[in-house]
Amino acid sequence: MQDTLVQQGMDLMFTGMGTVFVFLTLLVIGTLAMSTIVSHFFHVEEVELPKPVAKEKAAPVNKKTLAVIQAAVHAHRAKK
């Protein structure tokens, strides 16, 4: 019996999709195997990061400047 054109197309599609699926599965398995083998033979030691240096404290703000900043913030909030 002859297959219809649609049936032949479906067969070709599933064959192609199956081939791609098998290839990608083998690729993932191969990559995982290589990763395991490489990590087994080449151990990477963890590098200890230097501790962060404390920042210097900012210079104190004089009272007049602080009052101006507070007034500006208050005026800005009052506009909303």
N, C-alpha and C. Protein backbone atom coordinates (compact mmCIF):
# COMPACT_ATOMS: atom_id res chain seq x y z
N MET A 1 0.83 -1.17 0.00
CA MET A 1 0.00 0.00 0.00
C MET A 1 0.89 1.24 0.00
N GLN A 2 0.46 2.27 -0.72
CA GLN A 2 1.24 3.49 -0.78
C GLN A 2 0.87 4.41 0.38
N ASP A 3 1.93 5.04 0.94
CA ASP A 3 1.69 6.05 1.98
C ASP A 3 1.32 7.36 1.31
N THR A 4 0.52 8.11 1.99
CA THR A 4 0.17 9.42 1.46
C THR A 4 1.34 10.37 1.66
N LEU A 5 1.27 11.49 1.00
CA LEU A 5 2.33 12.49 1.11
C LEU A 5 2.43 13.02 2.54
N VAL A 6 1.28 13.15 3.20
CA VAL A 6 1.27 13.63 4.59
C VAL A 6 1.95 12.60 5.50
N GLN A 7 1.67 11.32 5.28
CA GLN A 7 2.28 10.27 6.09
C GLN A 7 3.79 10.24 5.89
N GLN A 8 4.23 10.41 4.65
CA GLN A 8 5.68 10.44 4.40
C GLN A 8 6.32 11.64 5.08
N GLY A 9 5.63 12.78 5.05
CA GLY A 9 6.14 13.98 5.72
C GLY A 9 6.25 13.78 7.22
N MET A 10 5.24 13.15 7.81
CA MET A 10 5.27 12.88 9.25
C MET A 10 6.40 11.92 9.60
N ASP A 11 6.58 10.88 8.79
CA ASP A 11 7.68 9.94 9.03
C ASP A 11 9.02 10.65 8.98
N LEU A 12 9.21 11.51 8.00
CA LEU A 12 10.46 12.25 7.86
C LEU A 12 10.66 13.19 9.05
N MET A 13 9.58 13.86 9.47
CA MET A 13 9.67 14.79 10.60
C MET A 13 10.06 14.06 11.88
N PHE A 14 9.40 12.94 12.17
CA PHE A 14 9.70 12.22 13.41
C PHE A 14 11.09 11.59 13.36
N THR A 15 11.52 11.15 12.19
CA THR A 15 12.88 10.62 12.06
C THR A 15 13.90 11.72 12.33
N GLY A 16 13.68 12.90 11.78
CA GLY A 16 14.59 14.02 12.01
C GLY A 16 14.60 14.47 13.45
N MET A 17 13.42 14.58 14.05
CA MET A 17 13.34 15.01 15.45
C MET A 17 13.97 13.97 16.37
N GLY A 18 13.78 12.70 16.07
CA GLY A 18 14.40 11.65 16.87
C GLY A 18 15.91 11.68 16.77
N THR A 19 16.41 11.92 15.55
CA THR A 19 17.86 12.01 15.35
C THR A 19 18.44 13.17 16.14
N VAL A 20 17.80 14.32 16.09
CA VAL A 20 18.28 15.49 16.83
C VAL A 20 18.23 15.22 18.33
N PHE A 21 17.16 14.61 18.81
CA PHE A 21 17.03 14.31 20.23
C PHE A 21 18.14 13.38 20.70
N VAL A 22 18.40 12.33 19.94
CA VAL A 22 19.47 11.38 20.30
C VAL A 22 20.82 12.08 20.29
N PHE A 23 21.08 12.90 19.27
CA PHE A 23 22.36 13.61 19.19
C PHE A 23 22.55 14.54 20.38
N LEU A 24 21.53 15.32 20.72
CA LEU A 24 21.65 16.25 21.84
C LEU A 24 21.80 15.51 23.17
N THR A 25 21.12 14.39 23.32
CA THR A 25 21.27 13.59 24.54
C THR A 25 22.70 13.07 24.66
N LEU A 26 23.25 12.55 23.56
CA LEU A 26 24.63 12.08 23.59
C LEU A 26 25.60 13.23 23.84
N LEU A 27 25.31 14.41 23.32
CA LEU A 27 26.16 15.57 23.55
C LEU A 27 26.17 15.96 25.03
N VAL A 28 25.02 15.96 25.67
CA VAL A 28 24.95 16.29 27.10
C VAL A 28 25.68 15.24 27.92
N ILE A 29 25.49 13.97 27.62
CA ILE A 29 26.17 12.91 28.36
C ILE A 29 27.68 13.02 28.17
N GLY A 30 28.12 13.29 26.95
CA GLY A 30 29.56 13.45 26.70
C GLY A 30 30.14 14.64 27.43
N THR A 31 29.41 15.75 27.46
CA THR A 31 29.89 16.94 28.17
C THR A 31 29.98 16.68 29.66
N LEU A 32 28.98 16.02 30.23
CA LEU A 32 29.03 15.70 31.65
C LEU A 32 30.18 14.75 31.97
N ALA A 33 30.42 13.77 31.11
CA ALA A 33 31.52 12.83 31.32
C ALA A 33 32.86 13.56 31.26
N MET A 34 33.04 14.44 30.27
CA MET A 34 34.30 15.19 30.17
C MET A 34 34.50 16.08 31.38
N SER A 35 33.44 16.72 31.85
CA SER A 35 33.53 17.58 33.02
C SER A 35 33.94 16.79 34.25
N THR A 36 33.38 15.60 34.42
CA THR A 36 33.74 14.76 35.56
C THR A 36 35.19 14.31 35.48
N ILE A 37 35.62 13.90 34.30
CA ILE A 37 37.00 13.44 34.13
C ILE A 37 37.99 14.56 34.38
N VAL A 38 37.73 15.73 33.82
CA VAL A 38 38.65 16.86 33.99
C VAL A 38 38.70 17.29 35.44
N SER A 39 37.56 17.37 36.12
CA SER A 39 37.57 17.78 37.52
C SER A 39 38.22 16.73 38.41
N HIS A 40 38.23 15.48 37.97
CA HIS A 40 38.89 14.43 38.75
C HIS A 40 40.41 14.57 38.69
N PHE A 41 40.95 14.90 37.53
CA PHE A 41 42.40 14.97 37.37
C PHE A 41 42.98 16.34 37.69
N PHE A 42 42.22 17.39 37.50
CA PHE A 42 42.73 18.74 37.72
C PHE A 42 41.90 19.42 38.80
N HIS A 43 42.38 19.33 40.03
CA HIS A 43 41.67 19.96 41.13
C HIS A 43 41.99 21.44 41.15
N VAL A 44 40.99 22.26 41.28
CA VAL A 44 41.17 23.70 41.34
C VAL A 44 41.04 24.12 42.80
N GLU A 45 42.11 24.70 43.32
CA GLU A 45 42.07 25.15 44.70
C GLU A 45 41.34 26.48 44.77
N GLU A 46 40.57 26.64 45.82
CA GLU A 46 39.83 27.88 45.99
C GLU A 46 40.78 28.97 46.45
N VAL A 47 40.71 30.10 45.79
CA VAL A 47 41.56 31.23 46.14
C VAL A 47 40.84 32.05 47.20
N GLU A 48 41.56 32.35 48.26
CA GLU A 48 40.96 33.13 49.33
C GLU A 48 41.01 34.60 48.94
N LEU A 49 39.86 35.23 48.92
CA LEU A 49 39.78 36.62 48.53
C LEU A 49 40.27 37.51 49.67
N PRO A 50 40.93 38.62 49.32
CA PRO A 50 41.37 39.52 50.38
C PRO A 50 40.17 40.17 51.06
N LYS A 51 40.33 40.43 52.35
CA LYS A 51 39.24 41.04 53.10
C LYS A 51 39.08 42.49 52.66
N PRO A 52 37.86 42.97 52.57
CA PRO A 52 37.66 44.36 52.14
C PRO A 52 38.22 45.33 53.17
N VAL A 53 38.80 46.39 52.65
CA VAL A 53 39.38 47.41 53.52
C VAL A 53 38.27 48.36 53.94
N ALA A 54 38.27 48.71 55.22
CA ALA A 54 37.25 49.63 55.72
C ALA A 54 37.45 51.01 55.10
N LYS A 55 36.34 51.62 54.71
CA LYS A 55 36.42 52.95 54.11
C LYS A 55 36.63 53.99 55.21
N GLU A 56 37.28 55.07 54.81
CA GLU A 56 37.48 56.15 55.76
C GLU A 56 36.15 56.85 56.00
N LYS A 57 35.99 57.33 57.22
CA LYS A 57 34.76 58.04 57.53
C LYS A 57 34.76 59.39 56.83
N ALA A 58 33.58 59.81 56.45
CA ALA A 58 33.45 61.10 55.77
C ALA A 58 33.68 62.23 56.76
N ALA A 59 34.10 63.35 56.24
CA ALA A 59 34.33 64.51 57.09
C ALA A 59 33.00 64.98 57.66
N PRO A 60 33.00 65.45 58.90
CA PRO A 60 31.74 65.91 59.49
C PRO A 60 31.20 67.13 58.75
N VAL A 61 29.88 67.21 58.67
CA VAL A 61 29.22 68.33 57.99
C VAL A 61 28.91 69.39 59.04
N ASN A 62 29.22 70.64 58.71
CA ASN A 62 28.94 71.68 59.70
C ASN A 62 27.44 71.91 59.82
N LYS A 63 27.02 72.53 60.91
CA LYS A 63 25.61 72.66 61.23
C LYS A 63 24.85 73.50 60.21
N LYS A 64 25.49 74.52 59.66
CA LYS A 64 24.82 75.39 58.69
C LYS A 64 24.49 74.61 57.42
N THR A 65 25.45 73.81 56.93
CA THR A 65 25.22 73.01 55.73
C THR A 65 24.14 71.97 55.98
N LEU A 66 24.15 71.36 57.15
CA LEU A 66 23.15 70.37 57.50
C LEU A 66 21.76 71.00 57.52
N ALA A 67 21.65 72.20 58.05
CA ALA A 67 20.36 72.90 58.10
C ALA A 67 19.86 73.21 56.70
N VAL A 68 20.76 73.61 55.80
CA VAL A 68 20.37 73.91 54.42
C VAL A 68 19.87 72.65 53.72
N ILE A 69 20.55 71.54 53.93
CA ILE A 69 20.15 70.27 53.31
C ILE A 69 18.78 69.84 53.83
N GLN A 70 18.58 69.95 55.14
CA GLN A 70 17.30 69.56 55.72
C GLN A 70 16.17 70.44 55.19
N ALA A 71 16.42 71.74 55.04
CA ALA A 71 15.40 72.65 54.51
C ALA A 71 15.06 72.30 53.07
N ALA A 72 16.07 71.95 52.28
CA ALA A 72 15.83 71.59 50.88
C ALA A 72 15.01 70.31 50.78
N VAL A 73 15.33 69.33 51.61
CA VAL A 73 14.57 68.07 51.60
C VAL A 73 13.13 68.33 52.04
N HIS A 74 12.97 69.14 53.08
CA HIS A 74 11.63 69.45 53.58
C HIS A 74 10.82 70.18 52.50
N ALA A 75 11.44 71.12 51.79
CA ALA A 75 10.74 71.86 50.73
C ALA A 75 10.37 70.93 49.58
N HIS A 76 11.25 70.00 49.26
CA HIS A 76 10.97 69.06 48.17
C HIS A 76 9.81 68.14 48.53
N ARG A 77 9.79 67.67 49.76
CA ARG A 77 8.71 66.78 50.18
C ARG A 77 7.39 67.53 50.30
N ALA A 78 7.46 68.81 50.62
CA ALA A 78 6.23 69.60 50.75
C ALA A 78 5.56 69.80 49.39
N LYS A 79 6.33 69.78 48.31
CA LYS A 79 5.77 69.97 46.96
C LYS A 79 4.93 68.78 46.52
N LYS A 80 5.20 67.61 47.04
CA LYS A 80 4.50 66.40 46.59
C LYS A 80 3.13 66.30 47.14
